[in-house]
Amino acid sequence: MNIYCDLLQNLKENKNTVLVTVMKSSGLEKVLYTGTSVAQWMDKWENDHSLYTRSLRIQEDKGEDKGEDKGEVTVVEHFLPSRRLIVFGGGHIAVPLSQMAHVLKFKVTVFDDRPSFANRRRFPDASEVICESFEKISQSLTFQAGDYVAIMTRGHRHDIECLRSVLSSRICPLYVGMIGSRRRVALVGRQMKEEGLPPERIERLHAPIGLDIGAVSPEEIALSVMAEIVQEKQRSVSRKRECHADMELMELLASTMDERVAVVTVVTTQGSTPREAGAKMAVFCDGRTVGSIGGGCAEADVARDARQVILEGGYRLKTVDMEDTAEEDGMACGGKMEVLIEAL
């Protein structure tokens, strides 16, 4: 059975999921956990194995008390659904913002009350386009803790309506940004406080939206907004040690029922590696790869091993040392990483 089918289904249902992989001499055992089990697994690893950070940790378990194989290794991956960016307002900045967010693997929802702006032709890369009155946001959307929200409607009144709906929702998104001058933003903040909205939520508002890079054109403003969103995303990942799944790769792994493929996962890193623990790559018999664990000669070497694993079956735990060749090959990164190569 392809466990990635179940993992993909969980992610599509917006379920945080832990994938536990146990490596034994007899092969790999994989189990999925959702709900309260997610917090229990992550708390256990946070306390007992703080050496390994980010989404993946590796534990050496001698198995002496459990009667399990000697030298057993357990890898724990914490997957979250794809990040969602909700853009209120389908104007001239929203178009490049949606395109950039799509490239960066965000699911994009565009919300506007004008049919000429809220349509698929204008936003072909968006996962969802909603044409509805801003007064009905709460009826059309359910906010999630990992959402990112950009408010950039055509007018002050609509911005206020959107911000009110976001800040008063049961769950406040991770990032809320609003376009506008500093004076206008200050006025909005005071109005929100007068309406009794939680001060801690108002203080989380990023306004004026975006990093100050001197942006002028719609494309430059969109870039500044995405830069701030990525900055906030990285801070969140560092705090919570989570990884948002590459949904395109998950879709591929879930659909390869009749095709031989190897999955490569970075499980630990040391030094300045090009990718961190949690990076995944699929390798096919014909040499095709999807995803990346860092590129360069190291990735090519791992891909060769992966094709061998496809032929032989089973799995292999490989240490990739890039420190010796980094300077010689002119590579920017060195370091070491340990990768799990498994035949799917």
C-alpha atoms as a PDB file:
ATOM      1  CA  MET A   1       0.000   0.000   0.000  1.00  0.00           C
ATOM      2  CA  ASN A   2       1.243   3.501  -0.851  1.00  0.00           C
ATOM      3  CA  ILE A   3       1.049   5.433   2.413  1.00  0.00           C
ATOM      4  CA  TYR A   4       1.445   8.710   0.542  1.00  0.00           C
ATOM      5  CA  CYS A   5      -2.148   8.301  -0.690  1.00  0.00           C
ATOM      6  CA  ASP A   6      -3.398   8.542   2.896  1.00  0.00           C
ATOM      7  CA  LEU A   7      -0.956  11.325   3.713  1.00  0.00           C
ATOM      8  CA  LEU A   8      -2.140  13.337   0.717  1.00  0.00           C
ATOM      9  CA  GLN A   9      -5.774  12.831   1.698  1.00  0.00           C
ATOM     10  CA  ASN A  10      -5.039  14.082   5.216  1.00  0.00           C
ATOM     11  CA  LEU A  11      -3.350  17.185   3.860  1.00  0.00           C
ATOM     12  CA  LYS A  12      -6.233  17.896   1.493  1.00  0.00           C
ATOM     13  CA  GLU A  13      -8.529  17.697   4.513  1.00  0.00           C
ATOM     14  CA  ASN A  14      -6.287  20.249   6.282  1.00  0.00           C
ATOM     15  CA  LYS A  15      -5.126  17.753   8.895  1.00  0.00           C
ATOM     16  CA  ASN A  16      -1.743  18.149  10.535  1.00  0.00           C
ATOM     17  CA  THR A  17      -0.101  14.756  10.141  1.00  0.00           C
ATOM     18  CA  VAL A  18       2.933  12.995  11.572  1.00  0.00           C
ATOM     19  CA  LEU A  19       4.582  10.310   9.467  1.00  0.00           C
ATOM     20  CA  VAL A  20       6.699   7.957  11.574  1.00  0.00           C
ATOM     21  CA  THR A  21       9.190   5.803   9.684  1.00  0.00           C
ATOM     22  CA  VAL A  22      10.946   3.009  11.571  1.00  0.00           C
ATOM     23  CA  MET A  23      13.999   1.520   9.880  1.00  0.00           C
ATOM     24  CA  LYS A  24      14.668  -2.120  10.721  1.00  0.00           C
ATOM     25  CA  SER A  25      16.807  -4.829   9.214  1.00  0.00           C
ATOM     26  CA  SER A  26      13.589  -6.379   7.939  1.00  0.00           C
ATOM     27  CA  GLY A  27      12.542  -3.172   6.151  1.00  0.00           C
ATOM     28  CA  LEU A  28      10.674   0.059   6.768  1.00  0.00           C
ATOM     29  CA  GLU A  29       7.533   0.455   8.838  1.00  0.00           C
ATOM     30  CA  LYS A  30       5.458   3.605   8.318  1.00  0.00           C
ATOM     31  CA  VAL A  31       2.535   4.866  10.383  1.00  0.00           C
ATOM     32  CA  LEU A  32       0.489   8.079  10.117  1.00  0.00           C
ATOM     33  CA  TYR A  33      -0.802  10.000  13.138  1.00  0.00           C
ATOM     34  CA  THR A  34      -3.308  12.861  13.229  1.00  0.00           C
ATOM     35  CA  GLY A  35      -5.298  14.732  15.869  1.00  0.00           C
ATOM     36  CA  THR A  36      -3.984  14.757  19.428  1.00  0.00           C
ATOM     37  CA  SER A  37      -1.315  12.200  18.549  1.00  0.00           C
ATOM     38  CA  VAL A  38       0.514  14.886  16.520  1.00  0.00           C
ATOM     39  CA  ALA A  39       1.219  17.026  19.583  1.00  0.00           C
ATOM     40  CA  GLN A  40       2.200  13.979  21.625  1.00  0.00           C
ATOM     41  CA  TRP A  41       4.772  12.856  19.053  1.00  0.00           C
ATOM     42  CA  MET A  42       6.234  16.315  18.578  1.00  0.00           C
ATOM     43  CA  ASP A  43       6.417  17.030  22.322  1.00  0.00           C
ATOM     44  CA  LYS A  44       8.222  13.741  22.869  1.00  0.00           C
ATOM     45  CA  TRP A  45      10.824  14.489  20.209  1.00  0.00           C
ATOM     46  CA  GLU A  46      11.142  18.119  21.318  1.00  0.00           C
ATOM     47  CA  ASN A  47      12.035  17.034  24.840  1.00  0.00           C
ATOM     48  CA  ASP A  48      14.125  13.934  24.182  1.00  0.00           C
ATOM     49  CA  HIS A  49      15.928  14.762  20.954  1.00  0.00           C
ATOM     50  CA  SER A  50      16.382  18.507  20.714  1.00  0.00           C
ATOM     51  CA  LEU A  51      19.622  18.040  18.759  1.00  0.00           C
ATOM     52  CA  TYR A  52      17.686  17.684  15.501  1.00  0.00           C
ATOM     53  CA  THR A  53      15.614  20.632  14.429  1.00  0.00           C
ATOM     54  CA  ARG A  54      13.007  21.497  11.830  1.00  0.00           C
ATOM     55  CA  SER A  55      10.516  18.953  10.608  1.00  0.00           C
ATOM     56  CA  LEU A  56      12.584  15.789  10.878  1.00  0.00           C
ATOM     57  CA  ARG A  57      14.423  14.222  13.754  1.00  0.00           C
ATOM     58  CA  ILE A  58      16.299  10.981  13.953  1.00  0.00           C
ATOM     59  CA  GLN A  59      16.513   8.751  17.028  1.00  0.00           C
ATOM     60  CA  GLU A  60      18.843   5.844  17.676  1.00  0.00           C
ATOM     61  CA  ASP A  61      16.870   3.285  19.626  1.00  0.00           C
ATOM     62  CA  LYS A  62      18.771   0.221  20.805  1.00  0.00           C
ATOM     63  CA  GLY A  63      15.497  -1.574  21.382  1.00  0.00           C
ATOM     64  CA  GLU A  64      16.838  -3.413  24.411  1.00  0.00           C
ATOM     65  CA  ASP A  65      13.677  -2.898  26.426  1.00  0.00           C
ATOM     66  CA  LYS A  66      11.270  -3.512  23.551  1.00  0.00           C
ATOM     67  CA  GLY A  67      12.729  -6.596  21.962  1.00  0.00           C
ATOM     68  CA  GLU A  68      13.079  -4.785  18.645  1.00  0.00           C
ATOM     69  CA  ASP A  69      15.898  -4.907  16.129  1.00  0.00           C
ATOM     70  CA  LYS A  70      19.244  -3.609  17.343  1.00  0.00           C
ATOM     71  CA  GLY A  71      20.234  -0.260  15.917  1.00  0.00           C
ATOM     72  CA  GLU A  72      16.651   0.653  15.044  1.00  0.00           C
ATOM     73  CA  VAL A  73      16.266   4.192  13.710  1.00  0.00           C
ATOM     74  CA  THR A  74      13.070   6.239  13.816  1.00  0.00           C
ATOM     75  CA  VAL A  75      12.387   9.332  11.711  1.00  0.00           C
ATOM     76  CA  VAL A  76       9.474  11.622  12.545  1.00  0.00           C
ATOM     77  CA  GLU A  77       8.071  13.999   9.920  1.00  0.00           C
ATOM     78  CA  HIS A  78       5.474  16.609  10.812  1.00  0.00           C
ATOM     79  CA  PHE A  79       3.485  17.671   7.740  1.00  0.00           C
ATOM     80  CA  LEU A  80       1.107  20.584   7.473  1.00  0.00           C
ATOM     81  CA  PRO A  81      -1.226  21.335   4.556  1.00  0.00           C
ATOM     82  CA  SER A  82       0.008  23.795   1.958  1.00  0.00           C
ATOM     83  CA  ARG A  83       0.116  27.388   3.093  1.00  0.00           C
ATOM     84  CA  ARG A  84      -2.881  29.458   2.020  1.00  0.00           C
ATOM     85  CA  LEU A  85      -2.710  33.112   1.016  1.00  0.00           C
ATOM     86  CA  ILE A  86      -6.042  34.933   1.049  1.00  0.00           C
ATOM     87  CA  VAL A  87      -6.013  38.131  -0.998  1.00  0.00           C
ATOM     88  CA  PHE A  88      -8.860  40.562  -0.378  1.00  0.00           C
ATOM     89  CA  GLY A  89      -9.172  42.737  -3.450  1.00  0.00           C
ATOM     90  CA  GLY A  90      -8.527  41.659  -7.030  1.00  0.00           C
ATOM     91  CA  GLY A  91      -6.877  44.855  -8.234  1.00  0.00           C
ATOM     92  CA  HIS A  92      -3.612  45.547 -10.034  1.00  0.00           C
ATOM     93  CA  ILE A  93      -1.331  44.370  -7.180  1.00  0.00           C
ATOM     94  CA  ALA A  94      -3.298  41.183  -6.574  1.00  0.00           C
ATOM     95  CA  VAL A  95      -2.468  39.757 -10.016  1.00  0.00           C
ATOM     96  CA  PRO A  96       1.350  39.575  -9.641  1.00  0.00           C
ATOM     97  CA  LEU A  97       0.913  38.718  -5.947  1.00  0.00           C
ATOM     98  CA  SER A  98      -1.168  35.671  -6.872  1.00  0.00           C
ATOM     99  CA  GLN A  99       1.386  34.613  -9.490  1.00  0.00           C
ATOM    100  CA  MET A 100       4.329  34.908  -7.090  1.00  0.00           C
ATOM    101  CA  ALA A 101       2.499  33.086  -4.313  1.00  0.00           C
ATOM    102  CA  HIS A 102       1.673  30.233  -6.686  1.00  0.00           C
ATOM    103  CA  VAL A 103       5.326  29.881  -7.670  1.00  0.00           C
ATOM    104  CA  LEU A 104       6.205  29.743  -3.956  1.00  0.00           C
ATOM    105  CA  LYS A 105       3.774  26.824  -3.436  1.00  0.00           C
ATOM    106  CA  PHE A 106       0.990  28.767  -1.710  1.00  0.00           C
ATOM    107  CA  LYS A 107      -2.650  27.948  -2.298  1.00  0.00           C
ATOM    108  CA  VAL A 108      -4.174  31.279  -3.274  1.00  0.00           C
ATOM    109  CA  THR A 109      -7.723  32.453  -2.568  1.00  0.00           C
ATOM    110  CA  VAL A 110      -8.795  35.750  -4.159  1.00  0.00           C
ATOM    111  CA  PHE A 111     -11.847  37.541  -2.756  1.00  0.00           C
ATOM    112  CA  ASP A 112     -13.508  40.522  -4.447  1.00  0.00           C
ATOM    113  CA  ASP A 113     -17.055  41.753  -4.891  1.00  0.00           C
ATOM    114  CA  ARG A 114     -16.679  42.637  -8.592  1.00  0.00           C
ATOM    115  CA  PRO A 115     -17.211  39.910 -11.239  1.00  0.00           C
ATOM    116  CA  SER A 116     -14.845  41.687 -13.624  1.00  0.00           C
ATOM    117  CA  PHE A 117     -12.043  41.327 -11.056  1.00  0.00           C
ATOM    118  CA  ALA A 118     -12.930  38.072  -9.296  1.00  0.00           C
ATOM    119  CA  ASN A 119     -12.754  35.533 -12.114  1.00  0.00           C
ATOM    120  CA  ARG A 120     -10.610  32.657 -13.329  1.00  0.00           C
ATOM    121  CA  ARG A 121      -9.410  34.439 -16.436  1.00  0.00           C
ATOM    122  CA  ARG A 122      -7.784  37.121 -14.284  1.00  0.00           C
ATOM    123  CA  PHE A 123      -6.429  34.659 -11.703  1.00  0.00           C
ATOM    124  CA  PRO A 124      -5.699  31.354 -13.482  1.00  0.00           C
ATOM    125  CA  ASP A 125      -3.188  30.236 -10.830  1.00  0.00           C
ATOM    126  CA  ALA A 126      -5.504  30.749  -7.858  1.00  0.00           C
ATOM    127  CA  SER A 127      -6.911  27.703  -6.099  1.00  0.00           C
ATOM    128  CA  GLU A 128     -10.117  29.577  -5.353  1.00  0.00           C
ATOM    129  CA  VAL A 129     -11.718  32.794  -6.599  1.00  0.00           C
ATOM    130  CA  ILE A 130     -14.669  34.117  -4.609  1.00  0.00           C
ATOM    131  CA  CYS A 131     -16.962  36.841  -5.905  1.00  0.00           C
ATOM    132  CA  GLU A 132     -19.027  38.004  -2.966  1.00  0.00           C
ATOM    133  CA  SER A 133     -19.764  41.076  -0.867  1.00  0.00           C
ATOM    134  CA  PHE A 134     -17.051  41.888   1.669  1.00  0.00           C
ATOM    135  CA  GLU A 135     -19.791  41.951   4.286  1.00  0.00           C
ATOM    136  CA  LYS A 136     -20.201  38.189   3.784  1.00  0.00           C
ATOM    137  CA  ILE A 137     -16.606  37.128   4.384  1.00  0.00           C
ATOM    138  CA  SER A 138     -17.485  35.126   7.484  1.00  0.00           C
ATOM    139  CA  GLN A 139     -20.081  33.188   5.487  1.00  0.00           C
ATOM    140  CA  SER A 140     -17.662  32.407   2.660  1.00  0.00           C
ATOM    141  CA  LEU A 141     -14.385  31.684   4.452  1.00  0.00           C
ATOM    142  CA  THR A 142     -13.179  29.829   7.525  1.00  0.00           C
ATOM    143  CA  PHE A 143      -9.821  31.135   8.648  1.00  0.00           C
ATOM    144  CA  GLN A 144      -7.097  28.770   9.788  1.00  0.00           C
ATOM    145  CA  ALA A 145      -4.151  29.350  12.114  1.00  0.00           C
ATOM    146  CA  GLY A 146      -1.649  28.893   9.282  1.00  0.00           C
ATOM    147  CA  ASP A 147      -3.314  31.291   6.831  1.00  0.00           C
ATOM    148  CA  TYR A 148      -1.720  34.422   5.405  1.00  0.00           C
ATOM    149  CA  VAL A 149      -3.994  37.362   4.614  1.00  0.00           C
ATOM    150  CA  ALA A 150      -3.288  40.367   2.382  1.00  0.00           C
ATOM    151  CA  ILE A 151      -5.900  43.136   2.452  1.00  0.00           C
ATOM    152  CA  MET A 152      -5.700  45.428  -0.582  1.00  0.00           C
ATOM    153  CA  THR A 153      -9.203  46.339  -1.695  1.00  0.00           C
ATOM    154  CA  ARG A 154     -10.139  49.411  -3.753  1.00  0.00           C
ATOM    155  CA  GLY A 155     -11.230  51.509  -0.785  1.00  0.00           C
ATOM    156  CA  HIS A 156     -10.778  52.295   2.897  1.00  0.00           C
ATOM    157  CA  ARG A 157     -14.277  51.155   3.813  1.00  0.00           C
ATOM    158  CA  HIS A 158     -13.770  47.716   2.291  1.00  0.00           C
ATOM    159  CA  ASP A 159     -10.350  47.349   3.922  1.00  0.00           C
ATOM    160  CA  ILE A 160     -11.936  48.029   7.308  1.00  0.00           C
ATOM    161  CA  GLU A 161     -14.663  45.466   6.629  1.00  0.00           C
ATOM    162  CA  CYS A 162     -12.107  42.809   5.701  1.00  0.00           C
ATOM    163  CA  LEU A 163      -9.843  43.547   8.657  1.00  0.00           C
ATOM    164  CA  ARG A 164     -12.772  43.430  11.056  1.00  0.00           C
ATOM    165  CA  SER A 165     -13.800  40.010   9.753  1.00  0.00           C
ATOM    166  CA  VAL A 166     -10.258  38.646  10.010  1.00  0.00           C
ATOM    167  CA  LEU A 167      -9.465  39.989  13.487  1.00  0.00           C
ATOM    168  CA  SER A 168     -12.819  38.957  14.963  1.00  0.00           C
ATOM    169  CA  SER A 169     -12.726  35.422  13.560  1.00  0.00           C
ATOM    170  CA  ARG A 170     -12.541  32.457  15.939  1.00  0.00           C
ATOM    171  CA  ILE A 171      -9.032  31.630  14.677  1.00  0.00           C
ATOM    172  CA  CYS A 172      -6.692  34.447  13.734  1.00  0.00           C
ATOM    173  CA  PRO A 173      -4.440  33.812  10.715  1.00  0.00           C
ATOM    174  CA  LEU A 174      -0.675  33.629  11.138  1.00  0.00           C
ATOM    175  CA  TYR A 175      -0.108  36.753   9.042  1.00  0.00           C
ATOM    176  CA  VAL A 176      -2.418  39.703   8.391  1.00  0.00           C
ATOM    177  CA  GLY A 177      -1.187  42.594   6.254  1.00  0.00           C
ATOM    178  CA  MET A 178      -3.052  45.643   5.014  1.00  0.00           C
ATOM    179  CA  ILE A 179      -2.061  48.182   2.374  1.00  0.00           C
ATOM    180  CA  GLY A 180      -2.226  51.888   3.122  1.00  0.00           C
ATOM    181  CA  SER A 181      -0.322  54.892   4.454  1.00  0.00           C
ATOM    182  CA  ARG A 182       0.961  54.984   8.034  1.00  0.00           C
ATOM    183  CA  ARG A 183      -1.592  57.653   8.919  1.00  0.00           C
ATOM    184  CA  ARG A 184      -4.441  55.596   7.524  1.00  0.00           C
ATOM    185  CA  VAL A 185      -3.191  52.486   9.280  1.00  0.00           C
ATOM    186  CA  ALA A 186      -3.011  54.323  12.614  1.00  0.00           C
ATOM    187  CA  LEU A 187      -6.614  55.450  12.204  1.00  0.00           C
ATOM    188  CA  VAL A 188      -7.721  51.912  11.438  1.00  0.00           C
ATOM    189  CA  GLY A 189      -5.899  50.589  14.500  1.00  0.00           C
ATOM    190  CA  ARG A 190      -7.648  53.067  16.773  1.00  0.00           C
ATOM    191  CA  GLN A 191     -11.015  52.206  15.264  1.00  0.00           C
ATOM    192  CA  MET A 192     -10.443  48.497  15.811  1.00  0.00           C
ATOM    193  CA  LYS A 193      -9.554  49.106  19.473  1.00  0.00           C
ATOM    194  CA  GLU A 194     -12.672  51.249  19.940  1.00  0.00           C
ATOM    195  CA  GLU A 195     -14.731  48.370  18.557  1.00  0.00           C
ATOM    196  CA  GLY A 196     -13.301  46.117  21.259  1.00  0.00           C
ATOM    197  CA  LEU A 197     -11.227  43.801  19.108  1.00  0.00           C
ATOM    198  CA  PRO A 198      -8.396  42.000  21.005  1.00  0.00           C
ATOM    199  CA  PRO A 199      -5.344  44.311  21.264  1.00  0.00           C
ATOM    200  CA  GLU A 200      -2.937  41.403  20.776  1.00  0.00           C
ATOM    201  CA  ARG A 201      -4.513  40.698  17.392  1.00  0.00           C
ATOM    202  CA  ILE A 202      -4.404  44.327  16.332  1.00  0.00           C
ATOM    203  CA  GLU A 203      -0.709  44.499  17.259  1.00  0.00           C
ATOM    204  CA  ARG A 204       0.024  41.561  14.925  1.00  0.00           C
ATOM    205  CA  LEU A 205      -1.176  43.560  11.916  1.00  0.00           C
ATOM    206  CA  HIS A 206       1.529  44.202   9.321  1.00  0.00           C
ATOM    207  CA  ALA A 207       0.711  47.647   8.015  1.00  0.00           C
ATOM    208  CA  PRO A 208       1.699  49.220   5.781  1.00  0.00           C
ATOM    209  CA  ILE A 209       1.986  45.786   4.188  1.00  0.00           C
ATOM    210  CA  GLY A 210       5.282  44.467   2.813  1.00  0.00           C
ATOM    211  CA  LEU A 211       8.971  45.026   3.446  1.00  0.00           C
ATOM    212  CA  ASP A 212      10.318  48.495   2.756  1.00  0.00           C
ATOM    213  CA  ILE A 213      12.294  47.931  -0.442  1.00  0.00           C
ATOM    214  CA  GLY A 214      11.278  51.168  -2.160  1.00  0.00           C
ATOM    215  CA  ALA A 215       8.661  49.366  -4.242  1.00  0.00           C
ATOM    216  CA  VAL A 216       6.743  51.468  -6.775  1.00  0.00           C
ATOM    217  CA  SER A 217       5.184  49.290  -9.480  1.00  0.00           C
ATOM    218  CA  PRO A 218       2.471  46.689  -8.764  1.00  0.00           C
ATOM    219  CA  GLU A 219       5.005  43.919  -9.362  1.00  0.00           C
ATOM    220  CA  GLU A 220       7.506  45.475  -6.948  1.00  0.00           C
ATOM    221  CA  ILE A 221       4.839  45.959  -4.290  1.00  0.00           C
ATOM    222  CA  ALA A 222       3.747  42.341  -4.728  1.00  0.00           C
ATOM    223  CA  LEU A 223       7.379  41.282  -4.304  1.00  0.00           C
ATOM    224  CA  SER A 224       7.679  43.272  -1.067  1.00  0.00           C
ATOM    225  CA  VAL A 225       4.509  41.631   0.266  1.00  0.00           C
ATOM    226  CA  MET A 226       5.672  38.114  -0.586  1.00  0.00           C
ATOM    227  CA  ALA A 227       9.077  38.848   0.945  1.00  0.00           C
ATOM    228  CA  GLU A 228       7.413  39.782   4.239  1.00  0.00           C
ATOM    229  CA  ILE A 229       5.162  36.725   4.106  1.00  0.00           C
ATOM    230  CA  VAL A 230       8.128  34.418   3.488  1.00  0.00           C
ATOM    231  CA  GLN A 231       9.990  36.084   6.352  1.00  0.00           C
ATOM    232  CA  GLU A 232       7.054  35.426   8.680  1.00  0.00           C
ATOM    233  CA  LYS A 233       6.722  31.869   7.401  1.00  0.00           C
ATOM    234  CA  GLN A 234      10.356  31.106   8.175  1.00  0.00           C
ATOM    235  CA  ARG A 235      10.015  32.514  11.675  1.00  0.00           C
ATOM    236  CA  SER A 236       6.990  30.311  12.242  1.00  0.00           C
ATOM    237  CA  VAL A 237       8.761  27.194  10.946  1.00  0.00           C
ATOM    238  CA  SER A 238      11.765  27.879  13.177  1.00  0.00           C
ATOM    239  CA  ARG A 239       9.535  28.244  16.213  1.00  0.00           C
ATOM    240  CA  LYS A 240       7.253  25.281  15.615  1.00  0.00           C
ATOM    241  CA  ARG A 241       9.588  22.935  13.750  1.00  0.00           C
ATOM    242  CA  GLU A 242       7.033  22.115  11.102  1.00  0.00           C
ATOM    243  CA  CYS A 243       7.147  21.680   7.348  1.00  0.00           C
ATOM    244  CA  HIS A 244       4.460  22.478   4.829  1.00  0.00           C
ATOM    245  CA  ALA A 245       4.163  19.659   2.340  1.00  0.00           C
ATOM    246  CA  ASP A 246       5.138  20.101  -1.291  1.00  0.00           C
ATOM    247  CA  MET A 247       1.692  19.172  -2.585  1.00  0.00           C
ATOM    248  CA  GLU A 248       2.880  18.614  -6.159  1.00  0.00           C
ATOM    249  CA  LEU A 249       5.415  16.066  -4.924  1.00  0.00           C
ATOM    250  CA  MET A 250       2.834  14.478  -2.612  1.00  0.00           C
ATOM    251  CA  GLU A 251       0.415  14.161  -5.543  1.00  0.00           C
ATOM    252  CA  LEU A 252       3.116  12.465  -7.600  1.00  0.00           C
ATOM    253  CA  LEU A 253       4.106  10.024  -4.848  1.00  0.00           C
ATOM    254  CA  ALA A 254       0.462   9.164  -4.218  1.00  0.00           C
ATOM    255  CA  SER A 255      -0.154   8.427  -7.902  1.00  0.00           C
ATOM    256  CA  THR A 256       2.908   6.274  -8.679  1.00  0.00           C
ATOM    257  CA  MET A 257       1.123   2.979  -8.100  1.00  0.00           C
ATOM    258  CA  ASP A 258       2.361   1.376 -11.323  1.00  0.00           C
ATOM    259  CA  GLU A 259       5.716   3.122 -11.676  1.00  0.00           C
ATOM    260  CA  ARG A 260       8.936   2.288  -9.884  1.00  0.00           C
ATOM    261  CA  VAL A 261      10.284   5.243  -7.943  1.00  0.00           C
ATOM    262  CA  ALA A 262      12.585   5.972  -5.023  1.00  0.00           C
ATOM    263  CA  VAL A 263      11.917   8.628  -2.389  1.00  0.00           C
ATOM    264  CA  VAL A 264      14.888  10.536  -0.981  1.00  0.00           C
ATOM    265  CA  THR A 265      14.451  12.418   2.323  1.00  0.00           C
ATOM    266  CA  VAL A 266      17.022  14.532   4.120  1.00  0.00           C
ATOM    267  CA  VAL A 267      16.872  13.368   7.744  1.00  0.00           C
ATOM    268  CA  THR A 268      19.751  15.252   9.395  1.00  0.00           C
ATOM    269  CA  THR A 269      22.084  18.081   8.427  1.00  0.00           C
ATOM    270  CA  GLN A 270      25.333  19.456   9.755  1.00  0.00           C
ATOM    271  CA  GLY A 271      27.009  22.662   8.652  1.00  0.00           C
ATOM    272  CA  SER A 272      26.019  24.812   5.684  1.00  0.00           C
ATOM    273  CA  THR A 273      23.942  22.390   3.613  1.00  0.00           C
ATOM    274  CA  PRO A 274      21.895  23.611   0.616  1.00  0.00           C
ATOM    275  CA  ARG A 275      18.664  22.147   2.010  1.00  0.00           C
ATOM    276  CA  GLU A 276      17.551  21.439   5.544  1.00  0.00           C
ATOM    277  CA  ALA A 277      16.079  18.315   7.098  1.00  0.00           C
ATOM    278  CA  GLY A 278      12.716  17.520   5.558  1.00  0.00           C
ATOM    279  CA  ALA A 279      13.640  18.160   1.922  1.00  0.00           C
ATOM    280  CA  LYS A 280      12.351  15.432  -0.388  1.00  0.00           C
ATOM    281  CA  MET A 281      13.025  14.251  -3.910  1.00  0.00           C
ATOM    282  CA  ALA A 282      11.530  11.528  -6.095  1.00  0.00           C
ATOM    283  CA  VAL A 283      13.839   9.616  -8.450  1.00  0.00           C
ATOM    284  CA  PHE A 284      12.609   7.463 -11.354  1.00  0.00           C
ATOM    285  CA  CYS A 285      14.319   4.601 -13.179  1.00  0.00           C
ATOM    286  CA  ASP A 286      14.824   6.708 -16.287  1.00  0.00           C
ATOM    287  CA  GLY A 287      16.748   9.352 -14.343  1.00  0.00           C
ATOM    288  CA  ARG A 288      13.934  11.865 -13.935  1.00  0.00           C
ATOM    289  CA  THR A 289      13.784  13.676 -10.616  1.00  0.00           C
ATOM    290  CA  VAL A 290      11.025  15.705  -8.994  1.00  0.00           C
ATOM    291  CA  GLY A 291      11.832  17.950  -6.061  1.00  0.00           C
ATOM    292  CA  SER A 292      15.341  18.614  -4.810  1.00  0.00           C
ATOM    293  CA  ILE A 293      17.651  17.942  -1.891  1.00  0.00           C
ATOM    294  CA  GLY A 294      20.080  20.664  -2.921  1.00  0.00           C
ATOM    295  CA  GLY A 295      21.230  20.108  -6.491  1.00  0.00           C
ATOM    296  CA  GLY A 296      24.791  19.745  -7.726  1.00  0.00           C
ATOM    297  CA  CYS A 297      27.078  16.721  -7.681  1.00  0.00           C
ATOM    298  CA  ALA A 298      25.811  15.534  -4.293  1.00  0.00           C
ATOM    299  CA  GLU A 299      22.247  15.273  -5.566  1.00  0.00           C
ATOM    300  CA  ALA A 300      23.401  13.489  -8.722  1.00  0.00           C
ATOM    301  CA  ASP A 301      25.316  10.980  -6.597  1.00  0.00           C
ATOM    302  CA  VAL A 302      22.265  10.342  -4.423  1.00  0.00           C
ATOM    303  CA  ALA A 303      20.101   9.944  -7.541  1.00  0.00           C
ATOM    304  CA  ARG A 304      22.430   7.197  -8.813  1.00  0.00           C
ATOM    305  CA  ASP A 305      22.122   5.380  -5.502  1.00  0.00           C
ATOM    306  CA  ALA A 306      18.355   5.852  -5.621  1.00  0.00           C
ATOM    307  CA  ARG A 307      18.118   4.125  -9.011  1.00  0.00           C
ATOM    308  CA  GLN A 308      20.081   1.225  -7.554  1.00  0.00           C
ATOM    309  CA  VAL A 309      17.681   1.041  -4.613  1.00  0.00           C
ATOM    310  CA  ILE A 310      14.782   0.913  -7.073  1.00  0.00           C
ATOM    311  CA  LEU A 311      16.317  -2.173  -8.692  1.00  0.00           C
ATOM    312  CA  GLU A 312      17.232  -3.887  -5.418  1.00  0.00           C
ATOM    313  CA  GLY A 313      14.277  -2.781  -3.298  1.00  0.00           C
ATOM    314  CA  GLY A 314      14.401  -1.888   0.386  1.00  0.00           C
ATOM    315  CA  TYR A 315      16.116   1.213   1.660  1.00  0.00           C
ATOM    316  CA  ARG A 316      19.499   2.790   2.282  1.00  0.00           C
ATOM    317  CA  LEU A 317      20.695   5.406   4.780  1.00  0.00           C
ATOM    318  CA  LYS A 318      23.434   7.450   3.109  1.00  0.00           C
ATOM    319  CA  THR A 319      25.752  10.132   4.465  1.00  0.00           C
ATOM    320  CA  VAL A 320      26.535  12.873   1.953  1.00  0.00           C
ATOM    321  CA  ASP A 321      29.721  14.815   2.733  1.00  0.00           C
ATOM    322  CA  MET A 322      29.894  18.037   0.730  1.00  0.00           C
ATOM    323  CA  GLU A 323      32.694  19.669   2.715  1.00  0.00           C
ATOM    324  CA  ASP A 324      35.512  18.086   0.691  1.00  0.00           C
ATOM    325  CA  THR A 325      34.154  19.023  -2.719  1.00  0.00           C
ATOM    326  CA  ALA A 326      32.425  22.334  -2.004  1.00  0.00           C
ATOM    327  CA  GLU A 327      35.495  24.538  -2.379  1.00  0.00           C
ATOM    328  CA  GLU A 328      36.948  22.468  -5.227  1.00  0.00           C
ATOM    329  CA  ASP A 329      33.736  22.645  -7.252  1.00  0.00           C
ATOM    330  CA  GLY A 330      33.041  26.272  -6.387  1.00  0.00           C
ATOM    331  CA  MET A 331      29.914  25.384  -4.443  1.00  0.00           C
ATOM    332  CA  ALA A 332      28.423  27.917  -2.051  1.00  0.00           C
ATOM    333  CA  CYS A 333      27.391  25.249   0.457  1.00  0.00           C
ATOM    334  CA  GLY A 334      29.310  22.497   2.194  1.00  0.00           C
ATOM    335  CA  GLY A 335      28.331  20.557   5.276  1.00  0.00           C
ATOM    336  CA  LYS A 336      27.044  17.040   5.670  1.00  0.00           C
ATOM    337  CA  MET A 337      23.612  15.536   5.453  1.00  0.00           C
ATOM    338  CA  GLU A 338      22.156  12.109   5.987  1.00  0.00           C
ATOM    339  CA  VAL A 339      19.493  10.972   3.557  1.00  0.00           C
ATOM    340  CA  LEU A 340      17.032   8.106   3.605  1.00  0.00           C
ATOM    341  CA  ILE A 341      16.609   6.465   0.190  1.00  0.00           C
ATOM    342  CA  GLU A 342      13.613   4.138  -0.068  1.00  0.00           C
ATOM    343  CA  ALA A 343      11.979   2.237  -2.878  1.00  0.00           C
ATOM    344  CA  LEU A 344       8.291   3.067  -3.089  1.00  0.00           C
END
